[in-house]
Amino acid sequence: MTSEDVQSSCTFTADGHGAKPVSQGTRVSRVTVSKRLHEIGLFARRHAVCVSLTSTNRRVRLAWCREHRDWSMDQWATVLFTDESRFSLNTDSRRTFIWREPGTRYLPSNVREIDHYGGGGLMVWTGIMLDGRTPLHVFERDCDWCEV
């Protein structure tokens, strides 16, 4: 495999193709492509999965962080952070691998964004504060924070 072939393989894999599709149509095996990609520092990994954030959401979050970065412990003692997570009972049929360099997991090109879950599942909700936490609440259906 020439250096031009490696560069061509890297170009294709950067577009989300795996080693097998890259090697198809050539006399180069998938294993050879994988070895060459490893030599130049690329490794097969799953996409990071996260909820999509709009540029507006990002700006608002950054502004909030800047407004609160100098808060005292007394001010933080009055804050309750809450979160909920949905756990799907269905398997993810889109388990694909991408070739990426170490330390690039959360670059936009390496993230598969999600905005919904299909099928049955559980919703869990909890909160944390400076001196403790809330109980963990488990729901067998989707719910709104108002219902907790």
N, C-alpha and C. Protein backbone atom coordinates (compact mmCIF):
# COMPACT_ATOMS: atom_id res chain seq x y z
N MET A 1 0.86 -1.17 0.00
CA MET A 1 0.00 0.00 0.00
C MET A 1 0.90 1.23 0.00
N THR A 2 0.71 2.09 -0.97
CA THR A 2 1.53 3.29 -1.07
C THR A 2 1.04 4.37 -0.13
N SER A 3 1.85 5.41 0.06
CA SER A 3 1.43 6.53 0.92
C SER A 3 0.22 7.23 0.33
N GLU A 4 0.09 7.23 -1.01
CA GLU A 4 -1.09 7.83 -1.64
C GLU A 4 -2.34 7.01 -1.31
N ASP A 5 -2.19 5.67 -1.27
CA ASP A 5 -3.32 4.82 -0.91
C ASP A 5 -3.75 5.07 0.53
N VAL A 6 -2.76 5.23 1.43
CA VAL A 6 -3.08 5.53 2.83
C VAL A 6 -3.81 6.85 2.92
N GLN A 7 -3.32 7.88 2.21
CA GLN A 7 -3.97 9.19 2.24
C GLN A 7 -5.39 9.08 1.71
N SER A 8 -5.58 8.32 0.63
CA SER A 8 -6.91 8.12 0.06
C SER A 8 -7.82 7.43 1.07
N SER A 9 -7.30 6.41 1.76
CA SER A 9 -8.08 5.71 2.77
C SER A 9 -8.47 6.64 3.90
N CYS A 10 -7.54 7.48 4.32
CA CYS A 10 -7.83 8.43 5.41
C CYS A 10 -8.88 9.43 4.98
N THR A 11 -8.84 9.86 3.75
CA THR A 11 -9.85 10.79 3.26
C THR A 11 -11.23 10.15 3.31
N PHE A 12 -11.32 8.90 2.87
CA PHE A 12 -12.61 8.22 2.89
C PHE A 12 -13.08 7.97 4.31
N THR A 13 -12.18 7.54 5.20
CA THR A 13 -12.61 7.25 6.55
C THR A 13 -12.98 8.50 7.32
N ALA A 14 -12.40 9.63 6.99
CA ALA A 14 -12.78 10.89 7.65
C ALA A 14 -14.22 11.24 7.30
N ASP A 15 -14.72 10.71 6.19
CA ASP A 15 -16.11 10.95 5.81
C ASP A 15 -17.05 9.94 6.45
N GLY A 16 -16.55 9.11 7.35
CA GLY A 16 -17.40 8.18 8.08
C GLY A 16 -17.40 6.77 7.54
N HIS A 17 -16.63 6.47 6.51
CA HIS A 17 -16.59 5.12 5.98
C HIS A 17 -15.62 4.28 6.80
N GLY A 18 -15.93 3.02 6.95
CA GLY A 18 -15.05 2.12 7.68
C GLY A 18 -13.97 1.56 6.78
N ALA A 19 -13.11 0.74 7.35
CA ALA A 19 -12.00 0.17 6.58
C ALA A 19 -12.49 -0.78 5.51
N LYS A 20 -13.57 -1.52 5.78
CA LYS A 20 -14.06 -2.49 4.80
C LYS A 20 -14.53 -1.80 3.52
N PRO A 21 -15.44 -0.79 3.59
CA PRO A 21 -15.84 -0.12 2.35
C PRO A 21 -14.68 0.54 1.62
N VAL A 22 -13.71 1.06 2.36
CA VAL A 22 -12.56 1.71 1.74
C VAL A 22 -11.76 0.70 0.94
N SER A 23 -11.62 -0.52 1.47
CA SER A 23 -10.80 -1.51 0.79
C SER A 23 -11.55 -2.20 -0.35
N GLN A 24 -12.88 -2.10 -0.40
CA GLN A 24 -13.63 -2.73 -1.48
C GLN A 24 -13.30 -2.05 -2.80
N GLY A 25 -13.21 -2.83 -3.84
CA GLY A 25 -12.89 -2.28 -5.15
C GLY A 25 -11.40 -2.14 -5.36
N THR A 26 -10.61 -2.56 -4.38
CA THR A 26 -9.15 -2.52 -4.52
C THR A 26 -8.62 -3.90 -4.20
N ARG A 27 -7.34 -4.09 -4.38
CA ARG A 27 -6.72 -5.36 -4.02
C ARG A 27 -6.12 -5.27 -2.62
N VAL A 28 -6.57 -4.32 -1.83
CA VAL A 28 -6.06 -4.11 -0.48
C VAL A 28 -7.09 -4.66 0.51
N SER A 29 -6.63 -5.46 1.46
CA SER A 29 -7.55 -6.04 2.42
C SER A 29 -7.95 -5.03 3.50
N ARG A 30 -9.05 -5.32 4.17
CA ARG A 30 -9.52 -4.48 5.27
C ARG A 30 -8.47 -4.42 6.37
N VAL A 31 -7.80 -5.53 6.63
CA VAL A 31 -6.77 -5.59 7.68
C VAL A 31 -5.61 -4.67 7.33
N THR A 32 -5.19 -4.66 6.07
CA THR A 32 -4.09 -3.79 5.64
C THR A 32 -4.46 -2.32 5.83
N VAL A 33 -5.67 -1.96 5.43
CA VAL A 33 -6.13 -0.58 5.61
C VAL A 33 -6.13 -0.23 7.09
N SER A 34 -6.66 -1.13 7.93
CA SER A 34 -6.70 -0.88 9.37
C SER A 34 -5.31 -0.68 9.95
N LYS A 35 -4.37 -1.53 9.56
CA LYS A 35 -2.99 -1.40 10.06
C LYS A 35 -2.38 -0.06 9.67
N ARG A 36 -2.57 0.34 8.43
CA ARG A 36 -1.99 1.61 7.96
C ARG A 36 -2.63 2.79 8.68
N LEU A 37 -3.93 2.72 8.92
CA LEU A 37 -4.59 3.81 9.65
C LEU A 37 -4.07 3.88 11.08
N HIS A 38 -3.82 2.73 11.71
CA HIS A 38 -3.23 2.72 13.06
C HIS A 38 -1.85 3.35 13.05
N GLU A 39 -1.08 3.08 12.00
CA GLU A 39 0.28 3.63 11.91
C GLU A 39 0.29 5.15 11.89
N ILE A 40 -0.75 5.76 11.33
CA ILE A 40 -0.79 7.23 11.27
C ILE A 40 -1.62 7.83 12.40
N GLY A 41 -1.98 6.98 13.39
CA GLY A 41 -2.62 7.50 14.60
C GLY A 41 -4.13 7.52 14.59
N LEU A 42 -4.78 6.79 13.69
CA LEU A 42 -6.24 6.72 13.67
C LEU A 42 -6.69 5.38 14.24
N PHE A 43 -7.78 5.40 15.02
CA PHE A 43 -8.27 4.19 15.66
C PHE A 43 -9.78 4.09 15.47
N ALA A 44 -10.29 2.86 15.34
CA ALA A 44 -11.73 2.63 15.17
C ALA A 44 -12.42 2.78 16.52
N ARG A 45 -13.39 3.67 16.59
CA ARG A 45 -14.14 3.92 17.81
C ARG A 45 -15.60 4.18 17.44
N ARG A 46 -16.48 4.00 18.42
CA ARG A 46 -17.89 4.35 18.21
C ARG A 46 -18.03 5.86 18.28
N HIS A 47 -19.05 6.37 17.59
CA HIS A 47 -19.37 7.80 17.70
C HIS A 47 -19.70 8.12 19.15
N ALA A 48 -19.35 9.29 19.62
CA ALA A 48 -19.89 9.79 20.87
C ALA A 48 -21.35 10.15 20.58
N VAL A 49 -22.24 9.91 21.51
CA VAL A 49 -23.66 10.18 21.30
C VAL A 49 -24.10 11.24 22.30
N CYS A 50 -24.73 12.29 21.81
CA CYS A 50 -25.19 13.34 22.70
C CYS A 50 -26.41 14.03 22.11
N VAL A 51 -27.09 14.78 22.94
CA VAL A 51 -28.25 15.55 22.50
C VAL A 51 -27.76 16.78 21.76
N SER A 52 -28.43 17.09 20.69
CA SER A 52 -28.05 18.24 19.86
C SER A 52 -28.25 19.55 20.61
N LEU A 53 -27.25 20.44 20.55
CA LEU A 53 -27.36 21.77 21.13
C LEU A 53 -27.30 22.80 20.00
N THR A 54 -28.25 23.71 20.00
CA THR A 54 -28.22 24.77 19.00
C THR A 54 -27.17 25.80 19.38
N SER A 55 -26.79 26.63 18.45
CA SER A 55 -25.82 27.68 18.77
C SER A 55 -26.40 28.63 19.82
N THR A 56 -27.71 28.84 19.80
CA THR A 56 -28.35 29.69 20.82
C THR A 56 -28.21 29.06 22.20
N ASN A 57 -28.47 27.74 22.30
CA ASN A 57 -28.32 27.04 23.58
C ASN A 57 -26.89 27.13 24.09
N ARG A 58 -25.93 26.99 23.21
CA ARG A 58 -24.53 27.08 23.61
C ARG A 58 -24.19 28.46 24.15
N ARG A 59 -24.67 29.50 23.47
CA ARG A 59 -24.42 30.88 23.93
C ARG A 59 -25.05 31.12 25.30
N VAL A 60 -26.29 30.66 25.48
CA VAL A 60 -26.99 30.86 26.75
C VAL A 60 -26.26 30.13 27.87
N ARG A 61 -25.82 28.91 27.63
CA ARG A 61 -25.10 28.15 28.66
C ARG A 61 -23.78 28.82 29.03
N LEU A 62 -23.06 29.29 28.04
CA LEU A 62 -21.78 29.96 28.30
C LEU A 62 -22.01 31.25 29.10
N ALA A 63 -23.04 32.00 28.73
CA ALA A 63 -23.36 33.24 29.47
C ALA A 63 -23.69 32.92 30.93
N TRP A 64 -24.48 31.86 31.16
CA TRP A 64 -24.83 31.46 32.53
C TRP A 64 -23.57 31.13 33.32
N CYS A 65 -22.67 30.38 32.72
CA CYS A 65 -21.42 30.01 33.41
C CYS A 65 -20.60 31.24 33.77
N ARG A 66 -20.52 32.17 32.85
CA ARG A 66 -19.74 33.38 33.11
C ARG A 66 -20.37 34.22 34.22
N GLU A 67 -21.71 34.27 34.25
CA GLU A 67 -22.41 35.04 35.29
C GLU A 67 -22.21 34.45 36.68
N HIS A 68 -21.99 33.14 36.77
CA HIS A 68 -21.94 32.47 38.06
C HIS A 68 -20.55 32.00 38.48
N ARG A 69 -19.53 32.30 37.71
CA ARG A 69 -18.20 31.76 38.01
C ARG A 69 -17.60 32.31 39.31
N ASP A 70 -18.03 33.46 39.77
CA ASP A 70 -17.47 34.05 40.99
C ASP A 70 -18.40 33.92 42.20
N TRP A 71 -19.38 33.05 42.13
CA TRP A 71 -20.31 32.88 43.23
C TRP A 71 -19.60 32.33 44.47
N SER A 72 -20.10 32.71 45.64
CA SER A 72 -19.57 32.21 46.91
C SER A 72 -20.20 30.85 47.24
N MET A 73 -19.64 30.17 48.23
CA MET A 73 -20.20 28.89 48.67
C MET A 73 -21.62 29.08 49.20
N ASP A 74 -21.88 30.21 49.86
CA ASP A 74 -23.24 30.46 50.37
C ASP A 74 -24.24 30.57 49.23
N GLN A 75 -23.84 31.20 48.15
CA GLN A 75 -24.75 31.31 47.00
C GLN A 75 -24.98 29.93 46.36
N TRP A 76 -23.91 29.14 46.20
CA TRP A 76 -24.07 27.81 45.61
C TRP A 76 -24.87 26.88 46.51
N ALA A 77 -24.88 27.14 47.82
CA ALA A 77 -25.63 26.30 48.75
C ALA A 77 -27.13 26.38 48.52
N THR A 78 -27.60 27.38 47.79
CA THR A 78 -29.04 27.53 47.52
C THR A 78 -29.45 26.93 46.18
N VAL A 79 -28.53 26.28 45.49
CA VAL A 79 -28.79 25.78 44.14
C VAL A 79 -29.01 24.27 44.14
N LEU A 80 -30.01 23.83 43.40
CA LEU A 80 -30.27 22.41 43.17
C LEU A 80 -30.16 22.14 41.68
N PHE A 81 -29.23 21.27 41.29
CA PHE A 81 -29.11 20.86 39.89
C PHE A 81 -29.88 19.56 39.72
N THR A 82 -30.72 19.50 38.70
CA THR A 82 -31.49 18.29 38.44
C THR A 82 -31.17 17.77 37.04
N ASP A 83 -31.41 16.50 36.86
CA ASP A 83 -31.22 15.90 35.55
C ASP A 83 -32.12 14.69 35.43
N GLU A 84 -32.47 14.40 34.20
CA GLU A 84 -33.23 13.20 33.93
C GLU A 84 -32.57 12.47 32.77
N SER A 85 -32.73 11.17 32.77
CA SER A 85 -32.19 10.35 31.68
C SER A 85 -33.23 9.32 31.28
N ARG A 86 -33.25 9.04 30.01
CA ARG A 86 -34.16 8.03 29.47
C ARG A 86 -33.31 6.85 29.04
N PHE A 87 -33.70 5.67 29.46
CA PHE A 87 -33.00 4.45 29.10
C PHE A 87 -33.90 3.61 28.22
N SER A 88 -33.48 3.40 27.00
CA SER A 88 -34.27 2.64 26.03
C SER A 88 -34.08 1.15 26.25
N LEU A 89 -35.16 0.41 26.08
CA LEU A 89 -35.07 -1.05 26.20
C LEU A 89 -34.75 -1.69 24.86
N ASN A 90 -34.75 -0.89 23.80
CA ASN A 90 -34.40 -1.39 22.48
C ASN A 90 -32.91 -1.25 22.25
N THR A 91 -32.35 -2.11 21.42
CA THR A 91 -30.93 -2.02 21.11
C THR A 91 -30.71 -0.95 20.06
N ASP A 92 -29.51 -0.43 20.04
CA ASP A 92 -29.13 0.56 19.04
C ASP A 92 -28.63 -0.17 17.81
N SER A 93 -29.42 -0.14 16.74
CA SER A 93 -29.04 -0.86 15.53
C SER A 93 -28.07 -0.06 14.68
N ARG A 94 -27.72 1.16 15.11
CA ARG A 94 -26.81 2.00 14.33
C ARG A 94 -25.43 2.05 14.97
N ARG A 95 -24.96 0.92 15.46
CA ARG A 95 -23.62 0.87 16.05
C ARG A 95 -22.59 0.86 14.94
N THR A 96 -22.10 2.00 14.65
CA THR A 96 -21.09 2.12 13.60
C THR A 96 -19.79 2.58 14.23
N PHE A 97 -18.71 2.28 13.56
CA PHE A 97 -17.40 2.70 14.02
C PHE A 97 -16.87 3.77 13.08
N ILE A 98 -16.10 4.69 13.63
CA ILE A 98 -15.44 5.71 12.83
C ILE A 98 -13.95 5.65 13.15
N TRP A 99 -13.16 6.14 12.25
CA TRP A 99 -11.72 6.22 12.47
C TRP A 99 -11.40 7.63 12.93
N ARG A 100 -10.77 7.75 14.10
CA ARG A 100 -10.45 9.07 14.64
C ARG A 100 -9.15 9.02 15.41
N GLU A 101 -8.58 10.20 15.60
CA GLU A 101 -7.35 10.32 16.37
C GLU A 101 -7.68 10.35 17.86
N PRO A 102 -6.76 9.91 18.72
CA PRO A 102 -6.98 10.00 20.16
C PRO A 102 -7.24 11.45 20.57
N GLY A 103 -8.15 11.63 21.53
CA GLY A 103 -8.44 12.97 22.04
C GLY A 103 -9.42 13.76 21.20
N THR A 104 -10.05 13.13 20.18
CA THR A 104 -10.98 13.86 19.30
C THR A 104 -12.41 13.34 19.43
N ARG A 105 -12.73 12.64 20.52
CA ARG A 105 -14.04 12.01 20.69
C ARG A 105 -15.20 12.98 20.49
N TYR A 106 -15.10 14.19 21.04
CA TYR A 106 -16.23 15.11 21.02
C TYR A 106 -16.14 16.18 19.94
N LEU A 107 -15.26 16.03 18.97
CA LEU A 107 -15.30 16.94 17.83
C LEU A 107 -16.61 16.71 17.09
N PRO A 108 -17.23 17.77 16.56
CA PRO A 108 -18.52 17.61 15.90
C PRO A 108 -18.55 16.50 14.84
N SER A 109 -17.46 16.31 14.13
CA SER A 109 -17.43 15.27 13.09
C SER A 109 -17.44 13.86 13.67
N ASN A 110 -17.17 13.72 14.97
CA ASN A 110 -17.12 12.40 15.60
C ASN A 110 -18.30 12.14 16.52
N VAL A 111 -19.31 12.98 16.49
CA VAL A 111 -20.46 12.86 17.38
C VAL A 111 -21.70 12.55 16.56
N ARG A 112 -22.49 11.58 17.02
CA ARG A 112 -23.79 11.30 16.42
C ARG A 112 -24.83 11.87 17.37
N GLU A 113 -25.53 12.90 16.93
CA GLU A 113 -26.50 13.57 17.79
C GLU A 113 -27.82 12.82 17.78
N ILE A 114 -28.49 12.81 18.93
CA ILE A 114 -29.80 12.18 19.04
C ILE A 114 -30.78 13.19 19.60
N ASP A 115 -32.03 13.02 19.27
CA ASP A 115 -33.04 13.90 19.85
C ASP A 115 -34.28 13.14 20.28
N HIS A 116 -34.27 11.83 20.15
CA HIS A 116 -35.41 11.04 20.62
C HIS A 116 -34.98 9.59 20.80
N TYR A 117 -35.79 8.87 21.55
CA TYR A 117 -35.59 7.44 21.74
C TYR A 117 -36.88 6.75 21.31
N GLY A 118 -36.75 5.64 20.63
CA GLY A 118 -37.93 4.90 20.23
C GLY A 118 -38.16 3.71 21.14
N GLY A 119 -39.38 3.24 21.19
CA GLY A 119 -39.69 2.03 21.95
C GLY A 119 -39.82 2.28 23.43
N GLY A 120 -39.95 1.18 24.17
CA GLY A 120 -40.14 1.26 25.61
C GLY A 120 -38.87 1.61 26.34
N GLY A 121 -39.06 2.09 27.56
CA GLY A 121 -37.89 2.45 28.34
C GLY A 121 -38.27 2.97 29.71
N LEU A 122 -37.27 3.42 30.42
CA LEU A 122 -37.46 4.00 31.75
C LEU A 122 -36.90 5.41 31.77
N MET A 123 -37.52 6.26 32.56
CA MET A 123 -37.02 7.61 32.78
C MET A 123 -36.62 7.69 34.25
N VAL A 124 -35.43 8.24 34.52
CA VAL A 124 -35.00 8.45 35.90
C VAL A 124 -34.71 9.93 36.10
N TRP A 125 -34.94 10.41 37.31
CA TRP A 125 -34.74 11.82 37.65
C TRP A 125 -34.11 11.90 39.03
N THR A 126 -33.18 12.83 39.19
CA THR A 126 -32.58 13.08 40.50
C THR A 126 -32.00 14.49 40.53
N GLY A 127 -31.57 14.92 41.68
CA GLY A 127 -30.96 16.23 41.82
C GLY A 127 -29.80 16.19 42.80
N ILE A 128 -28.86 17.12 42.62
CA ILE A 128 -27.74 17.24 43.56
C ILE A 128 -27.62 18.69 44.00
N MET A 129 -27.11 18.87 45.20
CA MET A 129 -26.85 20.20 45.73
C MET A 129 -25.56 20.14 46.53
N LEU A 130 -25.13 21.27 47.03
CA LEU A 130 -23.86 21.34 47.72
C LEU A 130 -23.75 20.35 48.88
N ASP A 131 -24.83 20.18 49.64
CA ASP A 131 -24.74 19.33 50.83
C ASP A 131 -25.57 18.05 50.74
N GLY A 132 -25.91 17.61 49.54
CA GLY A 132 -26.68 16.38 49.46
C GLY A 132 -27.26 16.12 48.08
N ARG A 133 -28.28 15.26 48.08
CA ARG A 133 -28.93 14.87 46.83
C ARG A 133 -30.38 14.52 47.10
N THR A 134 -31.15 14.46 46.04
CA THR A 134 -32.54 14.04 46.16
C THR A 134 -32.59 12.53 45.98
N PRO A 135 -33.72 11.91 46.32
CA PRO A 135 -33.87 10.49 46.00
C PRO A 135 -33.92 10.31 44.47
N LEU A 136 -33.59 9.12 44.03
CA LEU A 136 -33.70 8.78 42.61
C LEU A 136 -35.14 8.38 42.33
N HIS A 137 -35.76 9.04 41.36
CA HIS A 137 -37.13 8.73 40.97
C HIS A 137 -37.09 7.96 39.65
N VAL A 138 -37.83 6.85 39.58
CA VAL A 138 -37.86 6.02 38.37
C VAL A 138 -39.29 6.00 37.85
N PHE A 139 -39.44 6.27 36.54
CA PHE A 139 -40.75 6.30 35.89
C PHE A 139 -40.74 5.31 34.74
N GLU A 140 -41.85 4.60 34.57
CA GLU A 140 -41.93 3.63 33.49
C GLU A 140 -42.47 4.25 32.21
N ARG A 141 -42.64 5.54 32.18
CA ARG A 141 -43.10 6.24 30.98
C ARG A 141 -42.44 7.60 30.96
N ASP A 142 -42.49 8.27 29.81
CA ASP A 142 -41.94 9.62 29.74
C ASP A 142 -42.75 10.54 30.64
N CYS A 143 -42.08 11.50 31.24
CA CYS A 143 -42.78 12.43 32.11
C CYS A 143 -42.16 13.81 31.97
N ASP A 144 -42.88 14.79 32.43
CA ASP A 144 -42.42 16.16 32.43
C ASP A 144 -41.88 16.45 33.83
N TRP A 145 -40.93 17.36 33.94
CA TRP A 145 -40.34 17.67 35.24
C TRP A 145 -41.40 18.10 36.24
N CYS A 146 -42.52 18.64 35.78
CA CYS A 146 -43.58 19.09 36.69
C CYS A 146 -44.20 17.92 37.44
N GLU A 147 -44.13 16.72 36.87
CA GLU A 147 -44.76 15.56 37.49
C GLU A 147 -43.91 14.96 38.62
N VAL A 148 -42.66 15.36 38.73
CA VAL A 148 -41.75 14.73 39.69
C VAL A 148 -42.02 15.19 41.07
